[in-house]
Amino acid sequence: MPFVSDVTDKGECDGYWTLGLTFPIEGDEPLPFDMCINTIMSPMKTRGNSPVSFKNADLMAYPHIMHAGTLCMHTRDCVTWDERIQEDLSALWEWIERYYIGGETDDHYDDLVVEDTKIKGRKIHFYYSQLDRIPQVGEYGVVAYTRLPGRSSNTTDTYLIQGLAGDDGTMSFGEWSDMYQNMAHAQGVYVMLNGSPSEYDKFAVESYDALEELCTEQQLAYLYEKLYKSSIEFSPVFWGYQTPSGKLRWLISYPDKSQPFVKGKKEIHEGEKRWKPSFASVMMNNVSSEECSYEQFFGRGRFPTTITDKKILLMGVGAIGSIVATTLVRGGARDISLCDFDMKHPGNVCRSEYLFTTGQTKKIDEMKQMLEWISPFVKVTTIEDLHIAFKLPPNITREQVKTLLDMYDIVFDCSIDGEMMWSIDQIDTKAQVVNLSISNEAKELVCAFSPNISEFVTRIYTDVITETSGDMYNPEGCWSPTFKASYNDVQVMVQYAMRYIVKMLSGEMEKANFMIREIEESLRLIRW
């Protein structure tokens, strides 16, 4: 075995074969590890875990050493035992060089490992965002939190922390949109500790008396009053602390009222009797929590801030518009207004983002709810009759419509309404208008940027795209014919277009009108 100076066979027990390995360390004592091999498993990983593990309980203070001294590793896939042993030994040696010898640390490993407890038979999980004001060490007060309406499973309830009300009158709010901030809430209590409630800076403490040095007497007295004297139910307790990187974290525990974790004794202090509180040696019922700030939520990928921080109006939320809406929100958009007058019908579901189970609803109402369910950070407003305004009835002036449009930075016109397209062209709005339309059977998608959208789109559909209008889909009853295309057809075209629209609006590419067309089994973007 490479890197290893000595190997000892420690035998097999419960399906694990254990080898004692010794690694030579230049200028230091040799480093021992137990190599445990699960002989029942194949060399392939199960649920991301290798059948090989390495343990040294004397290294608990080092990064990536977990409970029982097991090293947490993420190794590549292997299909033979030779590959697996070589791969995992190489990963172990890399850890030794980086962390044991090199003394590296990882700033992004801030969350504590929690052995969570079921509360009344249910698993509890909390989401929290960073607050607009980080509470100070020694602070205490009330937490407002709410349960998410959709349960993640039959045995789990998920909650989010809405904000804090300090006992000194200070207020702190999360990043959530108004929908989540305004949901009915329950109350818990919080205290800000003067350090991390942890062992080895990674394992959450499991007994209340381990918090003795992190909490003030004033905080303890407050907890006693709120938890054991108040007629109002305050639960759970949120133990706040700051990480070295300055982020706010929470350890959350549910106290058992039959076993108070605050005890006290009377003593004489400066000639006066007083009650001195302290922690009792009571086990904590900890539950899991997870940061869900905007940065974390969209950490895997989002649009540039030149898109996400803009005020966006989306006109028309049918097949094209509903896909554009969900794409923008999943890309991190924070402020979207929806405009459509139409109802959702069963036939709309197959190629747009709507659900059958919600029944007949206004498209904008269902889309608003869906967008808010997707992202807890987006503000969504709805406008039902805006399409009428663009066609300038007698009681609305062009200046009024311009004022309305000028409220937005970007306007997506997905209405496929030629009259509205022409009307918008007549208004010299400062908003950037993006018009999207699709041909029958989704053979082409046309994207045009203001100004002069109507002229370009009309020319493309007259001179470039040859559609067979008689092959349109005609629903039952007195309905206007609509284009034929599957969800897949529309999605492919719209997502390909959005990729380049984002690049153009963010300045990564020069802005230009374009058409997407499938040519020889490849999508081609043709610019004008």
Protein backbone atom coordinates (compact mmCIF):
# COMPACT_ATOMS: atom_id res chain seq x y z
CA MET A 1 0.00 0.00 0.00
CA PRO A 2 1.41 3.44 -0.90
CA PHE A 3 2.16 5.96 1.90
CA VAL A 4 1.87 3.20 4.56
CA SER A 5 4.83 2.06 6.70
CA ASP A 6 3.09 -0.71 8.67
CA VAL A 7 -0.07 -2.82 8.37
CA THR A 8 -1.62 -4.92 11.15
CA ASP A 9 -4.54 -7.33 10.70
CA LYS A 10 -7.01 -6.64 13.54
CA GLY A 11 -9.50 -9.28 12.41
CA GLU A 12 -13.13 -9.27 11.32
CA CYS A 13 -16.24 -8.38 13.34
CA ASP A 14 -19.89 -7.82 12.27
CA GLY A 15 -18.98 -7.83 8.60
CA TYR A 16 -16.08 -5.38 8.96
CA TRP A 17 -12.47 -6.35 8.38
CA THR A 18 -10.15 -3.95 10.22
CA LEU A 19 -6.53 -3.20 9.37
CA GLY A 20 -4.27 -1.05 11.51
CA LEU A 21 -2.31 1.33 9.28
CA THR A 22 0.66 3.49 10.24
CA PHE A 23 1.70 6.51 8.20
CA PRO A 24 5.22 7.94 8.58
CA ILE A 25 5.21 11.69 9.33
CA GLU A 26 8.48 13.50 8.73
CA GLY A 27 9.73 15.11 11.94
CA ASP A 28 6.86 13.71 14.03
CA GLU A 29 5.47 10.51 15.47
CA PRO A 30 3.90 8.04 12.99
CA LEU A 31 0.16 8.54 12.53
CA PRO A 32 -2.11 5.50 13.06
CA PHE A 33 -5.50 4.90 11.41
CA ASP A 34 -7.87 1.96 11.50
CA MET A 35 -9.00 0.98 8.01
CA CYS A 36 -12.45 -0.65 8.22
CA ILE A 37 -13.67 -2.54 5.15
CA ASN A 38 -17.31 -3.61 4.85
CA THR A 39 -16.92 -7.10 3.42
CA ILE A 40 -20.66 -7.51 2.89
CA MET A 41 -20.85 -4.62 0.41
CA SER A 42 -19.42 -4.35 -3.08
CA PRO A 43 -16.57 -1.89 -3.75
CA MET A 44 -19.13 0.60 -5.05
CA LYS A 45 -20.53 3.36 -2.86
CA THR A 46 -23.97 3.10 -1.26
CA ARG A 47 -25.88 6.39 -0.81
CA GLY A 48 -22.61 8.20 -1.47
CA ASN A 49 -20.68 6.27 1.22
CA SER A 50 -17.64 4.15 0.48
CA PRO A 51 -17.45 0.61 1.93
CA VAL A 52 -14.03 1.67 3.25
CA SER A 53 -13.65 4.01 6.22
CA PHE A 54 -10.73 5.33 8.27
CA LYS A 55 -10.85 6.03 12.02
CA ASN A 56 -8.69 7.71 14.65
CA ALA A 57 -10.59 8.97 17.70
CA ASP A 58 -7.58 11.04 18.83
CA LEU A 59 -8.05 13.41 15.86
CA MET A 60 -11.52 14.71 16.72
CA ALA A 61 -10.36 18.34 16.70
CA TYR A 62 -9.24 18.14 13.06
CA PRO A 63 -11.45 19.09 10.08
CA HIS A 64 -13.63 16.37 8.53
CA ILE A 65 -13.19 13.97 11.47
CA MET A 66 -16.69 13.02 12.51
CA HIS A 67 -18.26 10.94 15.30
CA ALA A 68 -16.15 8.00 16.55
CA GLY A 69 -13.15 9.56 14.79
CA THR A 70 -14.30 8.59 11.28
CA LEU A 71 -12.84 10.62 8.43
CA CYS A 72 -15.48 12.11 6.10
CA MET A 73 -14.30 11.69 2.51
CA HIS A 74 -15.80 12.19 -0.94
CA THR A 75 -14.05 9.87 -3.34
CA ARG A 76 -14.64 8.98 -6.98
CA ASP A 77 -16.69 5.99 -8.14
CA CYS A 78 -14.89 2.62 -8.32
CA VAL A 79 -16.10 -0.79 -9.49
CA THR A 80 -13.26 -3.07 -8.31
CA TRP A 81 -11.70 -3.54 -4.88
CA ASP A 82 -8.23 -2.67 -6.19
CA GLU A 83 -9.53 0.67 -7.47
CA ARG A 84 -11.47 1.32 -4.27
CA ILE A 85 -8.54 0.64 -1.91
CA GLN A 86 -6.12 2.74 -3.98
CA GLU A 87 -8.63 5.59 -4.36
CA ASP A 88 -9.54 5.78 -0.68
CA LEU A 89 -5.96 5.45 0.55
CA SER A 90 -4.94 8.27 -1.79
CA ALA A 91 -7.78 10.42 -0.40
CA LEU A 92 -6.66 9.64 3.18
CA TRP A 93 -3.07 10.60 2.42
CA GLU A 94 -4.26 13.83 0.78
CA TRP A 95 -6.18 14.64 4.00
CA ILE A 96 -3.08 13.92 6.10
CA GLU A 97 -0.96 16.24 3.97
CA ARG A 98 -3.50 19.08 3.90
CA TYR A 99 -5.04 19.04 7.37
CA TYR A 100 -2.82 17.04 9.73
CA ILE A 101 0.56 18.17 8.40
CA GLY A 102 -0.45 21.39 6.62
CA GLY A 103 -2.89 22.63 9.27
CA GLU A 104 -5.55 23.75 6.74
CA THR A 105 -9.06 24.76 7.81
CA ASP A 106 -12.25 25.18 5.77
CA ASP A 107 -14.26 28.36 6.32
CA HIS A 108 -17.36 27.01 4.60
CA TYR A 109 -17.91 24.25 7.17
CA ASP A 110 -19.85 26.37 9.67
CA ASP A 111 -22.90 24.21 10.49
CA LEU A 112 -22.88 22.03 13.58
CA VAL A 113 -23.60 18.31 13.40
CA VAL A 114 -26.84 17.76 15.33
CA GLU A 115 -28.16 14.48 16.68
CA ASP A 116 -31.75 15.55 16.20
CA THR A 117 -34.60 14.33 18.37
CA LYS A 118 -38.18 13.63 17.31
CA ILE A 119 -40.68 15.93 18.99
CA LYS A 120 -44.02 14.25 19.72
CA GLY A 121 -43.11 11.55 17.21
CA ARG A 122 -42.27 13.96 14.39
CA LYS A 123 -38.98 15.11 12.91
CA ILE A 124 -38.58 18.90 13.07
CA HIS A 125 -36.42 20.93 10.69
CA PHE A 126 -35.89 24.71 10.62
CA TYR A 127 -34.85 27.03 7.79
CA TYR A 128 -33.35 30.40 8.62
CA SER A 129 -32.00 33.29 6.59
CA GLN A 130 -29.48 35.91 7.57
CA LEU A 131 -31.19 38.82 9.35
CA ASP A 132 -31.16 42.52 8.50
CA ARG A 133 -29.52 43.01 11.91
CA ILE A 134 -27.34 40.45 13.64
CA PRO A 135 -28.27 40.34 17.34
CA GLN A 136 -25.50 41.13 19.80
CA VAL A 137 -23.88 38.73 22.26
CA GLY A 138 -25.88 38.74 25.50
CA GLU A 139 -29.11 39.71 23.75
CA TYR A 140 -32.35 37.80 24.30
CA GLY A 141 -35.97 37.98 23.24
CA VAL A 142 -38.78 36.31 21.27
CA VAL A 143 -38.57 34.45 17.94
CA ALA A 144 -41.44 34.38 15.44
CA TYR A 145 -41.49 31.22 13.32
CA THR A 146 -43.99 29.54 11.03
CA ARG A 147 -44.60 26.08 9.60
CA LEU A 148 -44.36 25.72 5.85
CA PRO A 149 -47.79 24.77 4.48
CA GLY A 150 -46.59 21.75 2.51
CA ARG A 151 -45.19 18.96 4.67
CA SER A 152 -41.97 17.47 3.31
CA SER A 153 -43.11 14.00 4.42
CA ASN A 154 -45.66 12.29 6.64
CA THR A 155 -43.20 12.40 9.55
CA THR A 156 -41.47 15.78 9.12
CA ASP A 157 -42.54 19.36 9.82
CA THR A 158 -40.45 22.17 8.35
CA TYR A 159 -40.46 25.64 9.89
CA LEU A 160 -38.77 28.91 9.04
CA ILE A 161 -37.61 31.69 11.35
CA GLN A 162 -39.40 34.92 10.41
CA GLY A 163 -37.71 37.37 12.78
CA LEU A 164 -36.68 38.38 16.27
CA ALA A 165 -38.09 40.82 18.80
CA GLY A 166 -35.42 41.64 21.35
CA ASP A 167 -36.42 42.23 24.95
CA ASP A 168 -34.86 45.69 24.57
CA GLY A 169 -37.24 46.58 21.74
CA THR A 170 -34.90 45.88 18.82
CA MET A 171 -36.35 44.06 15.81
CA SER A 172 -34.62 41.81 13.27
CA PHE A 173 -36.23 40.39 10.13
CA GLY A 174 -35.25 37.65 7.70
CA GLU A 175 -34.84 37.96 3.94
CA TRP A 176 -38.14 36.23 3.19
CA SER A 177 -40.79 37.76 0.95
CA ASP A 178 -43.94 39.25 2.47
CA MET A 179 -45.90 36.05 1.89
CA TYR A 180 -43.67 34.15 4.32
CA GLN A 181 -43.18 37.02 6.76
CA ASN A 182 -46.94 37.48 7.07
CA MET A 183 -47.81 33.83 7.67
CA ALA A 184 -49.35 33.01 11.05
CA HIS A 185 -46.59 32.39 13.54
CA ALA A 186 -45.73 30.70 16.80
CA GLN A 187 -43.27 32.04 19.36
CA GLY A 188 -40.06 30.74 20.82
CA VAL A 189 -37.30 32.44 22.76
CA TYR A 190 -33.73 33.19 21.76
CA VAL A 191 -30.48 34.08 23.46
CA MET A 192 -27.25 35.13 21.77
CA LEU A 193 -24.33 33.14 23.14
CA ASN A 194 -20.75 34.35 23.42
CA GLY A 195 -19.41 31.35 21.52
CA SER A 196 -20.31 28.26 19.56
CA PRO A 197 -22.44 25.69 21.49
CA SER A 198 -20.27 22.86 20.27
CA GLU A 199 -17.60 20.30 20.90
CA TYR A 200 -14.56 20.53 18.64
CA ASP A 201 -16.38 23.40 16.85
CA LYS A 202 -18.48 20.90 14.88
CA PHE A 203 -20.68 18.75 17.14
CA ALA A 204 -23.66 20.41 18.83
CA VAL A 205 -23.63 20.09 22.62
CA GLU A 206 -26.22 17.67 23.96
CA SER A 207 -26.52 18.73 27.61
CA TYR A 208 -27.72 22.13 28.82
CA ASP A 209 -24.96 22.50 31.40
CA ALA A 210 -22.45 22.58 28.51
CA LEU A 211 -23.83 26.08 27.79
CA GLU A 212 -22.86 27.43 31.23
CA GLU A 213 -19.89 29.50 30.05
CA LEU A 214 -21.72 30.82 26.96
CA CYS A 215 -24.80 32.31 28.61
CA THR A 216 -25.27 35.19 31.07
CA GLU A 217 -27.25 35.03 34.31
CA GLN A 218 -29.61 37.64 32.88
CA GLN A 219 -30.32 35.42 29.86
CA LEU A 220 -30.90 32.40 32.10
CA ALA A 221 -33.32 34.34 34.30
CA TYR A 222 -35.20 35.45 31.15
CA LEU A 223 -35.43 31.86 29.90
CA TYR A 224 -36.75 30.70 33.27
CA GLU A 225 -39.48 33.35 33.29
CA LYS A 226 -40.55 32.71 29.69
CA LEU A 227 -40.42 28.92 29.74
CA TYR A 228 -41.61 28.06 33.22
CA LYS A 229 -43.53 31.08 34.57
CA SER A 230 -45.34 32.55 31.56
CA SER A 231 -48.94 31.61 30.70
CA ILE A 232 -47.98 31.88 27.00
CA GLU A 233 -46.36 28.92 25.29
CA PHE A 234 -42.79 29.78 24.25
CA SER A 235 -41.04 26.90 22.55
CA PRO A 236 -38.47 26.02 21.28
CA VAL A 237 -35.28 27.76 22.46
CA PHE A 238 -33.05 29.24 19.76
CA TRP A 239 -29.40 29.42 20.84
CA GLY A 240 -27.77 31.96 18.53
CA TYR A 241 -24.08 32.35 17.84
CA GLN A 242 -21.78 33.84 15.22
CA THR A 243 -19.30 31.84 13.18
CA PRO A 244 -15.72 33.03 12.58
CA SER A 245 -16.87 34.22 9.15
CA GLY A 246 -19.51 36.46 10.82
CA LYS A 247 -22.60 34.47 9.91
CA LEU A 248 -25.49 33.90 12.28
CA ARG A 249 -26.22 30.28 13.19
CA TRP A 250 -28.81 28.63 15.45
CA LEU A 251 -28.84 25.55 17.65
CA ILE A 252 -32.49 24.80 18.37
CA SER A 253 -33.77 22.71 21.27
CA TYR A 254 -37.21 21.80 22.64
CA PRO A 255 -37.22 21.94 26.46
CA ASP A 256 -39.03 19.27 28.45
CA LYS A 257 -41.11 21.13 31.04
CA SER A 258 -41.08 18.09 33.33
CA GLN A 259 -37.28 18.44 33.50
CA PRO A 260 -36.43 22.15 33.80
CA PHE A 261 -32.96 22.92 32.50
CA VAL A 262 -32.69 26.11 34.61
CA LYS A 263 -32.10 25.67 38.32
CA GLY A 264 -31.17 28.23 40.95
CA LYS A 265 -30.25 28.90 44.51
CA LYS A 266 -30.67 31.82 46.84
CA GLU A 267 -27.51 33.64 47.85
CA ILE A 268 -26.41 36.86 49.51
CA HIS A 269 -24.96 39.36 47.06
CA GLU A 270 -23.71 42.73 48.33
CA GLY A 271 -25.81 42.32 51.44
CA GLU A 272 -29.01 41.40 49.57
CA LYS A 273 -30.70 38.09 48.90
CA ARG A 274 -30.96 37.12 45.27
CA TRP A 275 -31.76 34.10 43.14
CA LYS A 276 -28.75 32.88 41.14
CA PRO A 277 -29.76 30.81 38.07
CA SER A 278 -27.61 28.10 36.51
CA PHE A 279 -27.98 25.25 34.07
CA ALA A 280 -29.11 21.82 35.22
CA SER A 281 -27.50 18.69 33.85
CA VAL A 282 -30.41 17.86 31.53
CA MET A 283 -30.14 16.37 28.04
CA MET A 284 -31.16 18.64 25.17
CA ASN A 285 -33.82 17.72 22.62
CA ASN A 286 -32.04 19.26 19.64
CA VAL A 287 -33.56 19.51 16.17
CA SER A 288 -31.88 20.17 12.84
CA SER A 289 -31.64 23.56 11.17
CA GLU A 290 -30.28 24.83 7.88
CA GLU A 291 -29.33 28.21 6.45
CA CYS A 292 -31.64 29.27 3.63
CA SER A 293 -30.40 32.77 2.83
CA TYR A 294 -30.71 34.16 -0.69
CA GLU A 295 -27.02 33.45 -1.28
CA GLN A 296 -27.39 29.83 -0.14
CA PHE A 297 -30.66 29.25 -1.97
CA PHE A 298 -29.24 30.34 -5.32
CA GLY A 299 -25.64 29.29 -4.64
CA ARG A 300 -25.73 26.54 -7.27
CA GLY A 301 -26.54 29.01 -10.02
CA ARG A 302 -28.47 32.20 -10.65
CA PHE A 303 -28.80 34.93 -13.24
CA PRO A 304 -26.61 38.06 -13.04
CA THR A 305 -27.76 40.85 -10.73
CA THR A 306 -28.46 42.90 -13.86
CA ILE A 307 -31.48 40.59 -14.19
CA THR A 308 -32.31 39.49 -10.64
CA ASP A 309 -32.30 42.97 -9.10
CA LYS A 310 -34.50 44.49 -11.80
CA LYS A 311 -38.23 45.17 -11.58
CA ILE A 312 -39.81 42.88 -14.20
CA LEU A 313 -43.24 42.90 -15.86
CA LEU A 314 -44.39 39.72 -17.59
CA MET A 315 -47.33 40.13 -19.96
CA GLY A 316 -49.04 36.87 -20.90
CA VAL A 317 -48.52 33.76 -18.75
CA GLY A 318 -49.57 31.02 -21.14
CA ALA A 319 -47.28 28.35 -22.56
CA ILE A 320 -44.38 30.73 -23.19
CA GLY A 321 -44.96 33.20 -20.37
CA SER A 322 -45.40 30.62 -17.62
CA ILE A 323 -42.05 29.04 -18.54
CA VAL A 324 -40.36 32.44 -18.66
CA ALA A 325 -41.83 33.27 -15.23
CA THR A 326 -40.61 30.10 -13.48
CA THR A 327 -37.23 30.38 -15.20
CA LEU A 328 -36.74 33.95 -13.97
CA VAL A 329 -37.71 33.05 -10.40
CA ARG A 330 -35.54 29.93 -10.31
CA GLY A 331 -32.77 32.20 -11.59
CA GLY A 332 -33.12 34.49 -8.58
CA ALA A 333 -35.46 37.26 -9.77
CA ARG A 334 -36.76 39.24 -6.80
CA ASP A 335 -39.59 41.43 -8.17
CA ILE A 336 -42.06 40.29 -10.84
CA SER A 337 -45.49 41.55 -11.91
CA LEU A 338 -47.79 39.25 -13.88
CA CYS A 339 -50.35 40.46 -16.39
CA ASP A 340 -52.99 38.25 -18.03
CA PHE A 341 -56.79 38.30 -18.24
CA ASP A 342 -57.27 34.60 -19.05
CA MET A 343 -58.49 31.66 -16.99
CA LYS A 344 -56.58 28.41 -16.74
CA HIS A 345 -58.34 25.46 -18.37
CA PRO A 346 -57.40 21.75 -18.39
CA GLY A 347 -55.99 22.06 -21.91
CA ASN A 348 -53.43 24.61 -20.69
CA VAL A 349 -51.76 22.20 -18.29
CA CYS A 350 -50.04 19.90 -20.80
CA ARG A 351 -47.65 22.52 -22.17
CA SER A 352 -47.32 25.15 -19.46
CA GLU A 353 -46.32 25.31 -15.79
CA TYR A 354 -49.80 24.96 -14.28
CA LEU A 355 -51.26 22.15 -12.18
CA PHE A 356 -54.45 20.20 -12.78
CA THR A 357 -55.26 19.81 -9.07
CA THR A 358 -55.84 23.55 -8.54
CA GLY A 359 -58.89 23.49 -10.82
CA GLN A 360 -60.13 26.48 -12.79
CA THR A 361 -58.28 29.58 -11.64
CA LYS A 362 -57.05 32.84 -13.06
CA LYS A 363 -53.67 32.17 -14.64
CA ILE A 364 -52.03 35.08 -12.83
CA ASP A 365 -53.36 33.93 -9.44
CA GLU A 366 -52.08 30.38 -9.79
CA MET A 367 -48.77 31.54 -11.27
CA LYS A 368 -48.28 33.99 -8.38
CA GLN A 369 -48.75 31.17 -5.89
CA MET A 370 -46.43 28.84 -7.80
CA LEU A 371 -43.66 31.45 -8.01
CA GLU A 372 -43.93 32.19 -4.29
CA TRP A 373 -43.77 28.47 -3.56
CA ILE A 374 -40.63 28.16 -5.71
CA SER A 375 -38.71 31.04 -4.11
CA PRO A 376 -39.20 32.56 -0.65
CA PHE A 377 -37.40 35.69 -1.85
CA VAL A 378 -39.56 36.88 -4.75
CA LYS A 379 -42.20 39.61 -4.58
CA VAL A 380 -45.02 38.82 -7.02
CA THR A 381 -47.85 41.20 -7.92
CA THR A 382 -50.70 40.63 -10.36
CA ILE A 383 -52.36 42.97 -12.86
CA GLU A 384 -55.50 41.65 -14.55
CA ASP A 385 -56.63 44.36 -16.98
CA LEU A 386 -53.38 45.90 -18.17
CA HIS A 387 -53.93 44.58 -21.70
CA ILE A 388 -56.94 46.90 -22.00
CA ALA A 389 -54.83 49.91 -21.08
CA PHE A 390 -52.39 49.28 -23.92
CA LYS A 391 -55.18 49.53 -26.46
CA LEU A 392 -55.98 52.99 -25.08
CA PRO A 393 -59.71 53.12 -24.27
CA PRO A 394 -61.10 56.65 -23.95
CA ASN A 395 -60.49 56.96 -20.21
CA ILE A 396 -56.76 56.09 -20.37
CA THR A 397 -54.09 58.28 -21.96
CA ARG A 398 -50.85 57.18 -23.55
CA GLU A 399 -48.97 59.14 -20.88
CA GLN A 400 -50.66 57.07 -18.16
CA VAL A 401 -49.63 53.83 -19.85
CA LYS A 402 -46.08 55.14 -20.27
CA THR A 403 -45.95 56.03 -16.57
CA LEU A 404 -47.01 52.49 -15.71
CA LEU A 405 -44.44 50.87 -18.02
CA ASP A 406 -41.69 53.18 -16.81
CA MET A 407 -42.08 51.64 -13.34
CA TYR A 408 -40.32 48.54 -14.71
CA ASP A 409 -36.79 47.87 -15.91
CA ILE A 410 -37.62 44.88 -18.12
CA VAL A 411 -40.92 43.97 -19.80
CA PHE A 412 -41.39 40.49 -21.26
CA ASP A 413 -44.27 40.48 -23.76
CA CYS A 414 -45.30 36.84 -24.15
CA SER A 415 -48.92 37.64 -25.01
CA ILE A 416 -48.64 36.77 -28.72
CA ASP A 417 -51.01 39.69 -29.22
CA GLY A 418 -50.21 41.68 -32.34
CA GLU A 419 -52.30 44.66 -31.31
CA MET A 420 -50.60 44.91 -27.93
CA MET A 421 -47.20 44.52 -29.58
CA TRP A 422 -48.01 47.44 -31.91
CA SER A 423 -49.42 49.54 -29.02
CA ILE A 424 -46.29 49.11 -26.90
CA ASP A 425 -44.18 50.25 -29.85
CA GLN A 426 -46.07 53.55 -29.86
CA ILE A 427 -45.03 54.27 -26.26
CA ASP A 428 -41.54 55.57 -25.70
CA THR A 429 -40.96 53.67 -22.45
CA LYS A 430 -37.59 53.59 -20.72
CA ALA A 431 -38.18 49.91 -19.90
CA GLN A 432 -36.42 47.32 -22.04
CA VAL A 433 -39.18 45.36 -23.80
CA VAL A 434 -38.51 41.77 -24.88
CA ASN A 435 -41.09 40.17 -27.17
CA LEU A 436 -41.28 36.37 -27.44
CA SER A 437 -43.45 34.39 -29.83
CA ILE A 438 -43.43 30.89 -31.23
CA SER A 439 -44.52 29.42 -34.56
CA ASN A 440 -46.86 26.50 -35.12
CA GLU A 441 -45.41 23.17 -33.98
CA ALA A 442 -42.62 25.19 -32.31
CA LYS A 443 -40.50 25.12 -35.41
CA GLU A 444 -39.24 28.62 -34.70
CA LEU A 445 -39.09 31.06 -31.81
CA VAL A 446 -38.77 34.79 -32.46
CA CYS A 447 -37.26 37.24 -29.96
CA ALA A 448 -37.29 41.00 -30.52
CA PHE A 449 -36.02 43.88 -28.37
CA SER A 450 -37.48 47.36 -28.24
CA PRO A 451 -37.70 49.70 -30.06
CA ASN A 452 -39.54 48.82 -33.29
CA ILE A 453 -40.57 45.32 -32.24
CA SER A 454 -43.76 45.22 -34.30
CA GLU A 455 -42.05 45.93 -37.59
CA PHE A 456 -39.43 43.21 -37.08
CA VAL A 457 -41.79 40.50 -35.84
CA THR A 458 -44.32 41.15 -38.60
CA ARG A 459 -41.60 40.93 -41.24
CA ILE A 460 -40.24 37.65 -39.85
CA TYR A 461 -43.66 35.97 -39.79
CA THR A 462 -44.44 37.32 -43.26
CA ASP A 463 -41.17 36.76 -45.14
CA VAL A 464 -39.16 34.16 -43.20
CA ILE A 465 -41.51 31.77 -41.40
CA THR A 466 -43.94 29.81 -43.54
CA GLU A 467 -46.71 28.44 -41.32
CA THR A 468 -49.69 26.37 -42.31
CA SER A 469 -52.40 28.23 -40.43
CA GLY A 470 -54.97 25.54 -41.25
CA ASP A 471 -53.03 23.03 -39.14
CA MET A 472 -53.63 24.94 -35.89
CA TYR A 473 -55.34 23.36 -32.87
CA ASN A 474 -59.03 24.21 -32.52
CA PRO A 475 -60.46 23.56 -29.03
CA GLU A 476 -64.10 22.61 -28.55
CA GLY A 477 -66.50 25.55 -28.63
CA CYS A 478 -65.98 29.12 -29.71
CA TRP A 479 -62.25 29.44 -29.08
CA SER A 480 -59.49 31.06 -31.08
CA PRO A 481 -57.19 28.52 -32.75
CA THR A 482 -53.82 28.08 -31.06
CA PHE A 483 -50.47 26.72 -32.14
CA LYS A 484 -49.65 23.04 -31.77
CA ALA A 485 -46.61 22.14 -29.67
CA SER A 486 -45.79 19.87 -26.75
CA TYR A 487 -44.38 20.98 -23.42
CA ASN A 488 -41.01 19.64 -24.50
CA ASP A 489 -41.15 21.59 -27.76
CA VAL A 490 -41.95 24.87 -26.01
CA GLN A 491 -39.51 24.31 -23.14
CA VAL A 492 -36.58 23.60 -25.44
CA MET A 493 -37.19 26.73 -27.50
CA VAL A 494 -37.89 29.06 -24.57
CA GLN A 495 -34.97 27.87 -22.44
CA TYR A 496 -32.55 28.14 -25.36
CA ALA A 497 -33.84 31.66 -26.01
CA MET A 498 -33.63 32.65 -22.33
CA ARG A 499 -29.97 31.63 -22.24
CA TYR A 500 -29.17 34.29 -24.84
CA ILE A 501 -31.68 36.87 -23.63
CA VAL A 502 -29.96 36.83 -20.22
CA LYS A 503 -26.55 37.19 -21.86
CA MET A 504 -27.79 40.14 -23.92
CA LEU A 505 -29.59 41.92 -21.09
CA SER A 506 -26.57 41.52 -18.81
CA GLY A 507 -24.17 42.91 -21.40
CA GLU A 508 -22.29 39.66 -21.92
CA MET A 509 -23.42 39.64 -25.56
CA GLU A 510 -24.43 42.43 -27.91
CA LYS A 511 -28.18 42.83 -27.92
CA ALA A 512 -29.83 41.82 -31.19
CA ASN A 513 -33.15 40.45 -32.43
CA PHE A 514 -32.97 36.75 -33.23
CA MET A 515 -34.84 33.67 -34.36
CA ILE A 516 -34.24 30.11 -33.19
CA ARG A 517 -34.85 27.43 -35.78
CA GLU A 518 -34.10 23.72 -35.88
CA ILE A 519 -31.84 23.00 -38.86
CA GLU A 520 -30.43 19.53 -39.53
CA GLU A 521 -31.33 18.30 -36.02
CA SER A 522 -29.57 21.25 -34.37
CA LEU A 523 -30.97 24.47 -32.94
CA ARG A 524 -29.58 27.52 -34.72
CA LEU A 525 -29.71 31.05 -33.39
CA ILE A 526 -30.03 33.48 -36.31
CA ARG A 527 -29.33 37.11 -35.38
CA TRP A 528 -30.45 40.30 -37.12
